[in-house]
Amino acid sequence: GDHRYEIFKRRVLQGKSVPHYAAIEPSGDGLMIVSYKPFKFMQDEDNRSEENDDAKATNEKKDPLYYWQQTEGDVTIAVHIPQDITKDDIKVRFSPDNICVTLKDQPPLMEGKLYSSVDHESCTWIISENKSLEISLIKKNEGPRWPELIIGDTRGEFIMDSSQCSEISESLMHLTSEVMNPNPEKENPPCNAQELEECDAFLEDGASLCRFDGDTLKVTHVINLGSNQYLFSVVVDPREMPCFCLRHDVDALLWQPHSDQPENMWEHIATFNALGYVQASKQDKKFMACAPDYSYAALCECLRRVFIYRQPTPLPTVLYNRKEGRQVGQVAKQLVATLEANDPILGFQATSERLFVLTTKTLFLIKVSSGN
């Protein structure tokens, strides 16, 4: 009718990875993103073009003004000079601790305090055939390597020859070992690799949860998730932001964001025992979900199979586990449903009593009530 929508504010966030989770707070005051690589706010077009110009200026790598090499006894410097410069146009002044190189009447090309003292009377310079100025400095103290030529001057580049590379490599050999953990404490080994399975390797161990302010789009909170792998999101309460589920060790924990509670912005509301471990072993999994009342979690593969993991429920009679010598008062059931179709699964949605599975041709409804 007469009511029309129009955009009055547009904000763009960019990152180098697909976000796992992105949700706007109900009040509109903020945005939360879970992603492997950070996102940042892009400026308006005018500011962005200025930003790009600055970035280009800093990214354009300038060629070094000079190159230098060293041995235990001397330092050799090579400086490119213009074609029209002759020997008479060059002035090189040596002192025990300083060097100054000028071309014609221009400001000094190189000037400053040397890293260490030199025998200035033995220092020389020549113009080589390829039109470069080559300067030879004789170290006063033989042996120690110079980390820089002129103190504070970053316009040069140090060139290391192959023999120096191998020397440094050999000097670092004692810090490395071909044997992993060669001498652990026998009573307290740091890790038993045989206890780890292939599915326990996390591909995305650098994911983070960020909250952005809705007006400034600056980050107000950052949580590094580390090895707490993101699993799925689910709407538990339509009035709140979607919850997200993270793997914590072998379990999976469900977190509810609360934008209006700065001291308790993320609340732990449910735990799915062993789900973190179980889902890692399902190499062909495509979707994961849980019931809004946390009664079960489920995942499906690309084709046919759906796995349902119910929360533990009390048993009418108590069982006795002879092996572990303990009583078992509750049990968690696991179900596998096989769809009568070989079409790819495109959608997966869980409610408290039913599971909806959409393939390219059929919508399947699986009843998951606590009584069955």
Protein backbone atom coordinates (compact mmCIF):
# COMPACT_ATOMS: atom_id res chain seq x y z
CA GLY A 1 0.00 0.00 0.00
CA ASP A 2 1.19 3.49 0.94
CA HIS A 3 3.77 2.16 3.42
CA ARG A 4 7.16 1.75 1.78
CA TYR A 5 10.52 0.68 3.03
CA GLU A 6 13.73 2.51 2.27
CA ILE A 7 17.35 2.26 3.40
CA PHE A 8 18.40 5.18 5.56
CA LYS A 9 21.64 3.73 6.91
CA ARG A 10 24.00 1.21 5.37
CA ARG A 11 26.96 -0.33 7.13
CA VAL A 12 29.36 -2.88 5.64
CA LEU A 13 31.57 -5.31 7.55
CA GLN A 14 34.17 -7.30 5.67
CA GLY A 15 36.27 -10.29 6.62
CA LYS A 16 38.37 -13.00 4.99
CA SER A 17 36.25 -15.92 6.16
CA VAL A 18 32.58 -16.90 6.01
CA PRO A 19 30.99 -16.09 9.40
CA HIS A 20 29.74 -19.11 11.35
CA TYR A 21 27.23 -17.00 13.25
CA ALA A 22 25.96 -13.45 12.75
CA ALA A 23 23.02 -11.95 14.65
CA ILE A 24 21.66 -8.47 15.35
CA GLU A 25 20.63 -7.77 18.94
CA PRO A 26 16.84 -7.44 19.46
CA SER A 27 17.29 -3.78 20.42
CA GLY A 28 19.34 -3.08 17.29
CA ASP A 29 22.17 -1.75 19.45
CA GLY A 30 24.78 -4.29 18.39
CA LEU A 31 25.89 -7.17 16.22
CA MET A 32 27.58 -10.44 17.21
CA ILE A 33 29.74 -12.48 14.84
CA VAL A 34 31.55 -15.80 15.29
CA SER A 35 34.18 -16.21 12.58
CA TYR A 36 37.55 -17.79 11.91
CA LYS A 37 39.12 -14.51 10.73
CA PRO A 38 38.22 -11.05 12.08
CA PHE A 39 35.68 -8.74 10.47
CA LYS A 40 36.03 -4.98 10.32
CA PHE A 41 33.81 -2.05 9.48
CA MET A 42 34.34 -0.57 6.00
CA GLN A 43 34.21 3.24 5.82
CA ASP A 44 31.94 5.20 3.49
CA GLU A 45 32.99 5.51 -0.16
CA ASP A 46 34.84 8.84 0.30
CA ASN A 47 36.74 7.67 3.35
CA ARG A 48 37.36 4.30 1.76
CA SER A 49 39.10 5.79 -1.28
CA GLU A 50 41.37 7.81 1.04
CA GLU A 51 42.04 4.66 3.05
CA ASN A 52 42.96 2.78 -0.12
CA ASP A 53 45.35 5.55 -1.19
CA ASP A 54 47.10 5.37 2.18
CA ALA A 55 47.22 1.59 1.97
CA LYS A 56 48.72 1.74 -1.51
CA ALA A 57 51.35 4.19 -0.36
CA THR A 58 52.40 1.96 2.51
CA ASN A 59 52.14 -1.23 0.48
CA GLU A 60 54.35 -0.01 -2.34
CA LYS A 61 57.64 -1.50 -1.31
CA LYS A 62 60.50 0.85 -2.05
CA ASP A 63 63.76 -0.58 -3.28
CA PRO A 64 66.50 -0.45 -0.62
CA LEU A 65 68.84 2.53 -0.86
CA TYR A 66 71.82 0.26 -0.35
CA TYR A 67 72.76 -3.41 0.13
CA TRP A 68 75.42 -4.62 2.54
CA GLN A 69 77.29 -7.78 3.46
CA GLN A 70 79.76 -8.61 6.19
CA THR A 71 82.43 -11.08 7.23
CA GLU A 72 84.19 -11.32 10.57
CA GLY A 73 86.66 -8.63 9.49
CA ASP A 74 84.93 -6.28 7.04
CA VAL A 75 81.68 -4.81 5.75
CA THR A 76 80.90 -4.24 2.05
CA ILE A 77 78.25 -1.71 0.95
CA ALA A 78 76.81 -1.32 -2.57
CA VAL A 79 74.87 1.87 -3.47
CA HIS A 80 73.25 2.41 -6.86
CA ILE A 81 74.15 5.79 -8.35
CA PRO A 82 72.65 7.65 -11.35
CA GLN A 83 74.30 7.31 -14.77
CA ASP A 84 75.44 10.93 -14.93
CA ILE A 85 77.42 10.76 -11.66
CA THR A 86 81.22 10.67 -12.06
CA LYS A 87 83.97 9.90 -9.58
CA ASP A 88 84.52 13.62 -8.99
CA ASP A 89 80.87 14.05 -7.92
CA ILE A 90 81.18 11.54 -5.07
CA LYS A 91 82.42 12.39 -1.58
CA VAL A 92 82.80 9.65 1.05
CA ARG A 93 83.97 10.64 4.53
CA PHE A 94 85.09 7.99 7.01
CA SER A 95 85.65 8.45 10.73
CA PRO A 96 86.14 5.78 13.43
CA ASP A 97 82.40 5.70 14.20
CA ASN A 98 80.66 7.51 11.33
CA ILE A 99 80.18 7.48 7.57
CA CYS A 100 78.89 10.19 5.19
CA VAL A 101 78.26 9.75 1.45
CA THR A 102 77.21 12.72 -0.76
CA LEU A 103 76.62 13.03 -4.52
CA LYS A 104 77.41 16.42 -6.09
CA ASP A 105 75.92 19.18 -3.92
CA GLN A 106 72.88 17.17 -2.80
CA PRO A 107 72.04 16.37 0.84
CA PRO A 108 73.94 13.34 2.17
CA LEU A 109 72.81 10.08 0.60
CA MET A 110 74.00 8.06 3.61
CA GLU A 111 75.02 9.55 6.92
CA GLY A 112 75.10 8.38 10.50
CA LYS A 113 76.78 6.52 13.31
CA LEU A 114 78.07 3.06 12.46
CA TYR A 115 77.02 0.13 14.62
CA SER A 116 80.64 -0.44 15.67
CA SER A 117 84.02 1.21 15.20
CA VAL A 118 86.05 0.83 12.01
CA ASP A 119 89.65 1.36 10.99
CA HIS A 120 88.75 4.51 9.05
CA GLU A 121 92.19 4.95 7.48
CA SER A 122 91.93 1.52 5.83
CA CYS A 123 88.36 2.02 4.49
CA THR A 124 88.06 2.46 0.70
CA TRP A 125 85.49 3.01 -2.06
CA ILE A 126 85.33 2.47 -5.84
CA ILE A 127 82.81 2.76 -8.70
CA SER A 128 82.14 -0.68 -10.14
CA GLU A 129 81.38 -1.48 -13.78
CA ASN A 130 77.63 -1.77 -13.21
CA LYS A 131 77.48 1.87 -12.08
CA SER A 132 77.29 1.29 -8.36
CA LEU A 133 79.35 2.71 -5.54
CA GLU A 134 81.09 0.00 -3.53
CA ILE A 135 82.38 0.89 -0.06
CA SER A 136 84.61 -1.35 2.03
CA LEU A 137 84.76 -0.87 5.82
CA ILE A 138 87.36 -2.64 7.96
CA LYS A 139 86.01 -3.63 11.38
CA LYS A 140 88.10 -2.53 14.34
CA ASN A 141 86.86 -5.49 16.40
CA GLU A 142 86.89 -8.68 14.37
CA GLY A 143 84.30 -11.38 14.98
CA PRO A 144 81.02 -9.92 16.27
CA ARG A 145 78.32 -9.59 13.61
CA TRP A 146 76.60 -6.25 13.14
CA PRO A 147 72.78 -6.42 13.33
CA GLU A 148 72.62 -3.10 11.46
CA LEU A 149 75.01 -0.90 9.49
CA ILE A 150 74.02 2.66 10.44
CA ILE A 151 72.19 2.89 13.77
CA GLY A 152 68.48 3.60 13.18
CA ASP A 153 68.74 3.55 9.35
CA THR A 154 66.22 1.11 7.82
CA ARG A 155 66.84 2.05 4.17
CA GLY A 156 69.40 -0.71 3.60
CA GLU A 157 69.06 -4.44 3.11
CA PHE A 158 71.46 -7.01 4.52
CA ILE A 159 72.43 -9.81 2.14
CA MET A 160 73.55 -13.04 3.79
CA ASP A 161 75.69 -15.48 1.83
CA SER A 162 75.09 -19.24 1.90
CA SER A 163 77.95 -20.02 4.29
CA GLN A 164 76.54 -17.59 6.86
CA CYS A 165 73.08 -19.17 6.47
CA SER A 166 74.46 -22.62 7.19
CA GLU A 167 76.47 -21.32 10.18
CA ILE A 168 73.35 -19.80 11.74
CA SER A 169 71.37 -22.95 11.00
CA GLU A 170 73.97 -25.10 12.76
CA SER A 171 74.07 -22.77 15.76
CA LEU A 172 70.28 -23.21 16.17
CA MET A 173 70.31 -27.00 15.82
CA HIS A 174 70.40 -27.59 19.58
CA LEU A 175 67.01 -25.88 19.89
CA THR A 176 65.27 -28.42 17.65
CA SER A 177 64.93 -32.16 17.58
CA GLU A 178 63.79 -34.69 15.05
CA VAL A 179 62.36 -36.76 17.92
CA MET A 180 59.12 -35.36 19.32
CA ASN A 181 59.36 -35.04 23.10
CA PRO A 182 62.65 -37.02 23.27
CA ASN A 183 62.90 -37.23 27.06
CA PRO A 184 59.55 -36.80 28.84
CA GLU A 185 59.01 -37.55 32.50
CA LYS A 186 58.06 -41.20 32.43
CA GLU A 187 55.58 -40.86 35.27
CA ASN A 188 53.96 -37.80 33.76
CA PRO A 189 54.07 -37.84 29.93
CA PRO A 190 52.70 -34.62 28.43
CA CYS A 191 50.42 -36.37 25.96
CA ASN A 192 49.68 -39.82 24.68
CA ALA A 193 49.17 -39.46 20.94
CA GLN A 194 47.49 -42.88 20.78
CA GLU A 195 44.61 -41.56 22.85
CA LEU A 196 43.89 -38.86 20.26
CA GLU A 197 41.91 -39.72 17.17
CA GLU A 198 42.02 -38.13 13.75
CA CYS A 199 38.66 -36.48 14.32
CA ASP A 200 40.03 -34.61 17.35
CA ALA A 201 42.19 -32.33 15.20
CA PHE A 202 40.63 -28.85 15.01
CA LEU A 203 40.91 -27.12 11.66
CA GLU A 204 39.65 -23.82 13.00
CA ASP A 205 41.41 -23.24 16.28
CA GLY A 206 41.55 -19.48 15.81
CA ALA A 207 37.84 -18.63 15.73
CA SER A 208 36.61 -15.70 17.80
CA LEU A 209 33.33 -14.21 19.00
CA CYS A 210 33.07 -10.43 18.51
CA ARG A 211 30.41 -7.92 19.50
CA PHE A 212 30.21 -4.70 17.47
CA ASP A 213 28.51 -1.52 18.67
CA GLY A 214 25.52 -0.76 16.43
CA ASP A 215 26.32 2.96 15.98
CA THR A 216 30.11 3.11 15.76
CA LEU A 217 30.56 -0.54 14.61
CA LYS A 218 33.65 -0.67 16.82
CA VAL A 219 34.42 -3.92 18.65
CA THR A 220 33.28 -3.84 22.29
CA HIS A 221 33.94 -7.50 23.21
CA VAL A 222 36.26 -10.16 21.79
CA ILE A 223 36.42 -13.78 22.98
CA ASN A 224 38.98 -16.12 21.47
CA LEU A 225 37.22 -19.46 21.15
CA GLY A 226 40.46 -21.38 20.74
CA SER A 227 39.68 -25.08 20.38
CA ASN A 228 36.01 -24.54 21.31
CA GLN A 229 34.83 -25.36 17.81
CA TYR A 230 31.58 -23.76 16.56
CA LEU A 231 28.93 -26.43 15.88
CA PHE A 232 25.53 -24.84 15.11
CA SER A 233 23.01 -22.16 16.09
CA VAL A 234 19.38 -22.50 17.14
CA VAL A 235 16.51 -20.18 18.10
CA VAL A 236 15.38 -21.15 21.60
CA ASP A 237 13.41 -18.00 22.43
CA PRO A 238 12.12 -15.88 19.50
CA ARG A 239 12.46 -12.76 21.65
CA GLU A 240 16.19 -13.37 22.10
CA MET A 241 19.13 -13.74 19.71
CA PRO A 242 19.80 -17.24 18.36
CA CYS A 243 21.87 -19.47 20.63
CA PHE A 244 25.13 -20.94 19.42
CA CYS A 245 26.59 -24.30 20.33
CA LEU A 246 30.34 -24.79 20.89
CA ARG A 247 32.40 -27.89 21.46
CA HIS A 248 34.01 -27.94 24.94
CA ASP A 249 36.30 -30.95 25.17
CA VAL A 250 34.05 -33.96 24.43
CA ASP A 251 30.78 -32.19 25.21
CA ALA A 252 28.78 -29.53 23.38
CA LEU A 253 27.58 -26.47 25.29
CA LEU A 254 24.71 -24.19 24.24
CA TRP A 255 25.15 -20.44 24.87
CA GLN A 256 22.40 -17.79 24.90
CA PRO A 257 23.53 -14.20 24.15
CA HIS A 258 21.97 -11.50 26.35
CA SER A 259 22.64 -8.09 24.81
CA ASP A 260 20.98 -6.25 27.72
CA GLN A 261 23.17 -7.89 30.38
CA PRO A 262 26.77 -6.64 29.99
CA GLU A 263 27.97 -8.66 33.03
CA ASN A 264 26.34 -11.88 31.78
CA MET A 265 26.34 -11.38 28.03
CA TRP A 266 26.63 -15.09 27.24
CA GLU A 267 24.74 -17.57 29.41
CA HIS A 268 25.35 -21.33 29.38
CA ILE A 269 21.86 -22.85 29.13
CA ALA A 270 22.37 -26.51 28.13
CA THR A 271 24.94 -29.28 27.77
CA PHE A 272 24.85 -32.18 25.31
CA ASN A 273 27.07 -34.85 26.80
CA ALA A 274 29.68 -36.35 24.43
CA LEU A 275 28.13 -34.59 21.41
CA GLY A 276 31.36 -32.73 20.66
CA TYR A 277 33.24 -36.00 20.36
CA VAL A 278 30.50 -37.87 18.49
CA GLN A 279 29.97 -35.19 15.82
CA ALA A 280 33.72 -35.02 15.13
CA SER A 281 33.69 -38.67 14.06
CA LYS A 282 30.89 -38.05 11.53
CA GLN A 283 32.98 -37.12 8.52
CA ASP A 284 29.99 -36.73 6.17
CA LYS A 285 27.86 -34.51 8.43
CA LYS A 286 26.03 -31.65 6.76
CA PHE A 287 23.65 -30.08 9.31
CA MET A 288 23.36 -30.04 13.11
CA ALA A 289 20.50 -28.84 15.30
CA CYS A 290 18.91 -29.27 18.71
CA ALA A 291 15.39 -29.03 20.09
CA PRO A 292 14.41 -25.63 21.57
CA ASP A 293 13.74 -27.41 24.88
CA TYR A 294 17.21 -29.11 24.73
CA SER A 295 15.61 -32.58 24.89
CA TYR A 296 17.74 -33.88 22.02
CA ALA A 297 20.38 -32.93 19.47
CA ALA A 298 20.55 -34.24 15.92
CA LEU A 299 22.78 -34.23 12.88
CA CYS A 300 22.38 -35.47 9.33
CA GLU A 301 24.77 -36.56 6.64
CA CYS A 302 24.64 -35.42 3.02
CA LEU A 303 22.48 -38.43 2.10
CA ARG A 304 19.94 -40.63 3.88
CA ARG A 305 21.14 -40.92 7.49
CA VAL A 306 19.95 -38.84 10.46
CA PHE A 307 21.42 -39.31 13.97
CA ILE A 308 19.38 -38.32 17.03
CA TYR A 309 20.95 -38.00 20.50
CA ARG A 310 18.50 -37.74 23.38
CA GLN A 311 19.33 -36.19 26.73
CA PRO A 312 19.66 -38.68 29.63
CA THR A 313 16.32 -39.71 31.15
CA PRO A 314 15.68 -41.48 34.49
CA LEU A 315 15.18 -45.26 34.36
CA PRO A 316 12.15 -46.83 36.08
CA THR A 317 14.50 -49.35 37.69
CA VAL A 318 18.12 -48.73 38.66
CA LEU A 319 20.78 -50.69 36.76
CA TYR A 320 24.06 -51.84 38.26
CA ASN A 321 27.24 -51.55 36.19
CA ARG A 322 29.38 -54.48 37.34
CA LYS A 323 32.45 -53.42 35.39
CA GLU A 324 32.66 -49.97 36.98
CA GLY A 325 30.93 -50.92 40.23
CA ARG A 326 28.35 -48.13 40.13
CA GLN A 327 24.61 -47.71 39.83
CA VAL A 328 23.11 -46.29 36.62
CA GLY A 329 19.96 -44.30 37.24
CA GLN A 330 19.56 -42.73 33.82
CA VAL A 331 20.41 -43.49 30.21
CA ALA A 332 20.75 -41.44 27.02
CA LYS A 333 19.31 -43.03 23.89
CA GLN A 334 20.81 -42.68 20.42
CA LEU A 335 18.70 -43.27 17.33
CA VAL A 336 19.55 -43.58 13.65
CA ALA A 337 16.90 -42.82 11.04
CA THR A 338 17.48 -43.84 7.42
CA LEU A 339 15.47 -41.89 4.85
CA GLU A 340 13.87 -43.79 2.02
CA ALA A 341 15.51 -41.55 -0.56
CA ASN A 342 18.93 -41.06 -2.12
CA ASP A 343 18.41 -37.36 -2.85
CA PRO A 344 20.75 -34.79 -1.26
CA ILE A 345 19.56 -33.27 2.02
CA LEU A 346 19.03 -29.50 1.65
CA GLY A 347 17.42 -28.47 4.94
CA PHE A 348 17.29 -29.57 8.57
CA GLN A 349 15.11 -28.12 11.34
CA ALA A 350 14.39 -29.40 14.87
CA THR A 351 11.37 -28.66 17.04
CA SER A 352 10.73 -30.07 20.51
CA GLU A 353 8.80 -33.06 19.14
CA ARG A 354 9.65 -33.33 15.44
CA LEU A 355 12.56 -33.18 13.07
CA PHE A 356 12.06 -31.80 9.55
CA VAL A 357 14.43 -33.02 6.85
CA LEU A 358 14.21 -31.57 3.34
CA THR A 359 15.68 -33.30 0.30
CA THR A 360 15.55 -32.15 -3.32
CA LYS A 361 12.24 -34.00 -3.83
CA THR A 362 10.68 -34.75 -0.42
CA LEU A 363 10.05 -33.19 3.00
CA PHE A 364 10.47 -35.85 5.70
CA LEU A 365 9.00 -35.49 9.19
CA ILE A 366 10.54 -37.59 11.96
CA LYS A 367 8.68 -37.79 15.27
CA VAL A 368 11.06 -37.53 18.24
CA SER A 369 8.76 -37.52 21.26
CA SER A 370 10.11 -38.61 24.63
CA GLY A 371 7.72 -41.57 24.84
CA ASN A 372 8.96 -43.28 21.63
